[in-house]
Protein backbone atom coordinates (compact mmCIF):
# COMPACT_ATOMS: atom_id res chain seq x y z
CA UNK A 1 52.59 25.62 8.56
CA UNK A 2 50.07 25.31 5.75
CA UNK A 3 52.02 22.85 3.97
CA UNK A 4 52.74 20.71 7.05
CA UNK A 5 51.93 17.02 7.50
CA UNK A 6 49.82 17.78 10.21
CA UNK A 7 47.76 20.48 8.52
CA UNK A 8 47.44 18.43 5.35
CA UNK A 9 46.28 15.42 7.34
CA UNK A 10 43.76 17.38 9.21
CA UNK A 11 42.37 18.82 6.24
CA UNK A 12 42.12 15.41 4.58
CA UNK A 13 40.44 14.35 7.79
CA UNK A 14 37.73 16.94 7.34
CA UNK A 15 37.15 16.34 3.65
CA UNK A 16 36.78 12.85 4.54
CA UNK A 17 34.25 13.63 7.07
CA UNK A 18 32.19 15.78 4.91
CA UNK A 19 32.21 13.37 2.07
CA UNK A 20 31.43 10.26 4.14
CA UNK A 21 28.78 12.25 5.94
CA UNK A 22 27.02 13.30 2.73
CA UNK A 23 27.43 9.78 1.22
CA UNK A 24 25.66 8.18 4.40
CA UNK A 25 23.07 10.81 4.26
CA UNK A 26 22.51 10.21 0.56
CA UNK A 27 22.24 6.50 0.88
CA UNK A 28 19.61 6.78 3.95
CA UNK A 29 17.47 9.29 1.97
CA UNK A 30 17.35 7.07 -1.17
CA UNK A 31 16.58 4.12 1.01
CA UNK A 32 13.55 6.11 2.56
CA UNK A 33 12.37 7.38 -0.72
CA UNK A 34 12.61 3.89 -2.29
CA UNK A 35 10.78 2.46 0.58
CA UNK A 36 8.08 5.15 0.27
CA UNK A 37 7.81 4.59 -3.32
CA UNK A 38 7.29 0.87 -2.82
CA UNK A 39 4.84 1.46 0.04
CA UNK A 40 2.98 4.12 -2.02
CA UNK A 41 2.53 1.64 -4.97
CA UNK A 42 1.60 -1.24 -2.72
CA UNK A 43 -0.98 0.86 -0.94
CA UNK A 44 -2.53 1.94 -4.20
CA UNK A 45 -2.77 -1.66 -5.29
CA UNK A 46 -4.43 -2.71 -1.93
CA UNK A 47 -6.86 0.10 -2.16
CA UNK A 48 -7.64 -0.83 -5.68
CA UNK A 49 -8.37 -4.46 -4.66
CA UNK A 50 -10.35 -3.31 -1.62
CA UNK A 51 -12.46 -1.25 -3.99
CA UNK A 52 -13.29 -4.15 -6.17
CA UNK A 53 -14.23 -6.20 -3.00
CA UNK A 54 -16.53 -3.36 -2.18
CA UNK A 55 -17.86 -3.31 -5.63
CA UNK A 56 -18.51 -6.90 -5.43
CA UNK A 57 -20.69 -6.58 -2.16
CA UNK A 58 -22.67 -3.68 -3.83
CA UNK A 59 -23.11 -5.69 -7.04
CA UNK A 60 -24.37 -8.72 -4.99
CA UNK A 61 -27.02 -6.56 -3.27
CA UNK A 62 -28.11 -4.83 -6.35
CA UNK A 63 -28.42 -8.40 -8.10
CA UNK A 64 -30.77 -9.63 -5.38
CA UNK A 65 -32.77 -6.26 -5.38
CA UNK A 66 -33.15 -6.59 -9.25
CA UNK A 67 -34.20 -10.26 -9.06
CA UNK A 68 -36.94 -9.21 -6.61
CA UNK A 69 -38.03 -6.36 -9.13
CA UNK A 70 -38.36 -9.14 -11.81
CA UNK A 71 -41.38 -10.54 -9.99
CA UNK A 72 -43.05 -7.22 -10.29
CA UNK A 73 -41.61 -5.10 -13.23
CA UNK A 74 -42.45 -1.46 -13.61
CA UNK A 75 -42.73 -0.96 -9.89
CA UNK A 76 -39.67 0.96 -9.75
CA UNK A 77 -39.65 4.07 -12.01
CA UNK A 78 -38.17 3.59 -15.44
CA UNK A 79 -37.81 -0.11 -14.89
CA UNK A 80 -39.07 -2.77 -17.32
CA UNK A 81 -38.98 -6.56 -17.43
CA UNK A 82 -36.36 -6.51 -20.37
CA UNK A 83 -34.14 -3.84 -18.57
CA UNK A 84 -34.07 -5.48 -15.24
CA UNK A 85 -33.28 -9.01 -16.85
CA UNK A 86 -30.53 -7.28 -18.93
CA UNK A 87 -29.18 -5.69 -15.79
CA UNK A 88 -29.32 -8.71 -13.81
CA UNK A 89 -27.57 -10.80 -16.42
CA UNK A 90 -24.77 -8.17 -16.90
CA UNK A 91 -24.08 -7.91 -13.13
CA UNK A 92 -24.20 -11.75 -12.81
CA UNK A 93 -21.56 -12.16 -15.47
CA UNK A 94 -19.27 -9.52 -13.77
CA UNK A 95 -20.16 -10.91 -10.39
CA UNK A 96 -18.85 -14.27 -11.46
CA UNK A 97 -15.84 -13.16 -13.08
CA UNK A 98 -14.86 -11.16 -10.06
CA UNK A 99 -15.26 -14.01 -7.57
CA UNK A 100 -13.38 -16.31 -10.03
CA UNK A 101 -10.51 -13.91 -9.84
CA UNK A 102 -10.68 -13.69 -5.94
CA UNK A 103 -10.57 -17.57 -5.66
CA UNK A 104 -8.13 -18.11 -8.44
CA UNK A 105 -5.71 -15.90 -10.48
CA UNK A 106 -6.98 -13.50 -13.13
CA UNK A 107 -4.76 -10.50 -13.46
CA UNK A 108 -7.25 -8.92 -16.17
CA UNK A 109 -9.53 -8.23 -13.20
CA UNK A 110 -6.66 -6.44 -11.09
CA UNK A 111 -7.17 -8.96 -8.17
CA UNK A 112 -5.97 -12.32 -7.55
CA UNK A 113 -5.78 -14.90 -4.77
CA UNK A 114 -2.22 -13.72 -4.11
CA UNK A 115 -3.55 -10.43 -2.95
CA UNK A 116 -5.28 -11.91 0.08
CA UNK A 117 -3.51 -12.85 3.25
CA UNK A 118 -4.12 -15.84 5.33
CA UNK A 119 -7.24 -14.46 7.33
CA UNK A 120 -9.09 -13.10 4.03
CA UNK A 121 -8.19 -16.27 2.24
CA UNK A 122 -9.56 -18.27 4.98
CA UNK A 123 -12.96 -16.00 4.88
CA UNK A 124 -13.16 -16.54 1.15
CA UNK A 125 -12.71 -20.28 1.24
CA UNK A 126 -15.21 -20.66 4.18
CA UNK A 127 -17.92 -18.82 2.22
CA UNK A 128 -17.06 -20.45 -1.18
CA UNK A 129 -19.58 -23.37 -0.92
CA UNK A 130 -22.40 -20.73 -0.24
CA UNK A 131 -21.29 -18.65 -3.05
CA UNK A 132 -21.37 -21.50 -5.38
CA UNK A 133 -24.94 -22.46 -4.15
CA UNK A 134 -26.09 -18.76 -4.64
CA UNK A 135 -24.46 -18.67 -7.96
CA UNK A 136 -26.14 -21.75 -9.22
CA UNK A 137 -29.55 -20.20 -7.86
CA UNK A 138 -28.85 -17.13 -9.84
CA UNK A 139 -28.33 -18.99 -12.97
CA UNK A 140 -31.56 -20.91 -12.64
CA UNK A 141 -33.50 -17.85 -11.91
CA UNK A 142 -32.08 -16.19 -15.10
CA UNK A 143 -32.53 -19.34 -17.30
CA UNK A 144 -36.18 -19.68 -15.93
CA UNK A 145 -36.93 -16.00 -16.59
CA UNK A 146 -35.65 -16.34 -20.21
CA UNK A 147 -37.70 -19.51 -20.84
CA UNK A 148 -40.96 -18.22 -19.23
CA UNK A 149 -40.75 -14.33 -19.80
CA UNK A 150 -41.68 -13.73 -17.21
CA UNK A 151 -41.71 -16.86 -14.96
CA UNK A 152 -44.61 -17.12 -12.38
CA UNK A 153 -43.34 -15.96 -8.97
CA UNK A 154 -44.15 -19.30 -7.51
CA UNK A 155 -41.52 -21.01 -9.99
CA UNK A 156 -38.56 -18.90 -9.12
CA UNK A 157 -39.32 -18.24 -5.36
CA UNK A 158 -37.29 -21.36 -4.04
CA UNK A 159 -34.16 -20.15 -5.81
CA UNK A 160 -34.86 -16.57 -4.50
CA UNK A 161 -35.13 -17.88 -0.94
CA UNK A 162 -31.88 -19.77 -1.58
CA UNK A 163 -30.21 -16.47 -2.80
CA UNK A 164 -31.66 -14.65 0.33
CA UNK A 165 -30.19 -17.14 2.74
CA UNK A 166 -26.71 -17.27 1.21
CA UNK A 167 -26.57 -13.50 0.47
CA UNK A 168 -26.12 -12.35 4.08
CA UNK A 169 -23.18 -14.49 5.07
CA UNK A 170 -21.57 -13.92 1.54
CA UNK A 171 -21.87 -10.09 1.85
CA UNK A 172 -20.53 -10.30 5.48
CA UNK A 173 -17.50 -12.21 4.22
CA UNK A 174 -16.85 -9.56 1.64
CA UNK A 175 -17.10 -6.79 4.60
CA UNK A 176 -14.62 -8.90 6.58
CA UNK A 177 -12.16 -9.15 3.69
CA UNK A 178 -12.48 -5.25 2.85
CA UNK A 179 -11.84 -4.55 6.66
CA UNK A 180 -8.90 -6.67 6.68
CA UNK A 181 -7.55 -4.95 3.67
CA UNK A 182 -7.89 -1.56 5.41
CA UNK A 183 -6.21 -3.02 8.52
CA UNK A 184 -3.35 -4.30 6.41
CA UNK A 185 -2.99 -1.05 4.58
CA UNK A 186 -2.79 0.98 7.85
CA UNK A 187 -0.42 -1.54 9.33
CA UNK A 188 1.78 -1.03 6.49
CA UNK A 189 1.73 2.60 6.37
CA UNK A 190 2.51 2.71 10.14
CA UNK A 191 5.50 0.42 9.56
CA UNK A 192 6.89 2.76 6.82
CA UNK A 193 6.48 5.57 9.06
CA UNK A 194 8.45 3.90 11.70
CA UNK A 195 11.22 2.70 9.38
CA UNK A 196 11.57 6.33 7.97
CA UNK A 197 11.56 7.70 11.43
CA UNK A 198 14.53 5.27 12.38
CA UNK A 199 16.48 6.22 9.30
CA UNK A 200 16.03 9.89 10.13
CA UNK A 201 17.38 9.10 13.73
CA UNK A 202 20.14 6.95 12.25
CA UNK A 203 21.10 10.01 9.86
CA UNK A 204 21.07 12.25 13.13
CA UNK A 205 23.27 10.14 14.81
CA UNK A 206 25.72 9.71 12.01
CA UNK A 207 26.04 13.60 11.83
CA UNK A 208 26.61 13.90 15.58
CA UNK A 209 29.24 10.82 15.67
CA UNK A 210 31.09 12.41 12.47
CA UNK A 211 31.06 15.81 14.13
CA UNK A 212 32.23 14.55 17.57
CA UNK A 213 34.74 11.72 16.61
CA UNK A 214 36.05 12.93 13.36
CA UNK A 215 35.48 16.57 12.59
CA UNK A 216 36.12 17.83 16.21
CA UNK A 217 39.64 16.38 16.55
CA UNK A 218 40.39 17.43 13.16
CA UNK A 219 39.40 21.31 13.87
CA UNK A 220 41.42 21.00 17.28
CA UNK A 221 44.50 19.99 15.27
CA UNK A 222 44.10 22.76 12.70
CA UNK A 223 43.54 25.25 15.68
CA UNK A 224 46.71 24.00 17.23
CA UNK A 225 48.55 24.12 13.86
CA UNK A 226 47.42 27.67 13.44
CA UNK A 227 48.47 28.79 16.79
CA UNK A 228 51.93 27.14 16.28
CA UNK A 229 52.18 28.92 13.02
CA UNK A 230 51.22 32.38 14.64
CA UNK A 231 53.92 31.77 17.33
CA UNK A 232 56.56 31.00 14.72
CA UNK A 233 55.64 33.96 12.58
CA UNK A 234 55.60 36.17 15.77
CA UNK A 235 59.07 34.80 16.52
CA UNK A 236 60.16 35.55 12.90
CA UNK A 237 59.09 39.14 13.04
CA UNK A 238 60.68 39.61 16.47
CA UNK A 239 64.01 38.31 15.16
CA UNK A 240 63.65 40.35 11.99
CA UNK A 241 63.17 43.55 14.22
CA UNK A 242 66.18 42.75 16.23
CA UNK A 243 68.43 42.26 13.30
CA UNK A 244 67.48 45.41 11.84
């Protein structure tokens, strides 16, 4: 009977099955989307920080190249003593600010010490003394060049040698930090993929479990009720025919 308690209970059970299944799937999909968004923004930030580290590496090499050009201005096409000095001074200012942000916490630069894991922080700390020595040498070269305009090569050569000796390990440390960022980003993306795959597997298991343990018994009870209703209708029709 359509209005029987068994039929009503089966319909309610089927409705509960569908609603609970949709609710669980909605929560799993929402969790996967939220995780993907967080991972996406974090990945963008890591790429941005990595790009700034790479820019610091290129800036370091460009500064040393320009300091060498200061000893023979005009060798490179379109360069003058004044233009090279201005470029070195500007690069040196950005170079110091970027490194200060990497060692400390300067959100204006888009990078801070908190962005680096233990390995990168250890590499930065290990090369900090060399950076400070190189930084002081650059300042002395610029001060000498401004004072002598231009300074004799023999005067600035000792500081250029210091920069040369410190530049290679410093650049190597920046390359190591950038590589560490790349590894961390790839690892995070791989972890997100695994979690999303796990959520998809859980969603599939939920659908199978709901279908097998809830929907299947409810459908069977409905089928039994329909068969019983059909038999009752058949008996009623037979009795009605016999009475007529």
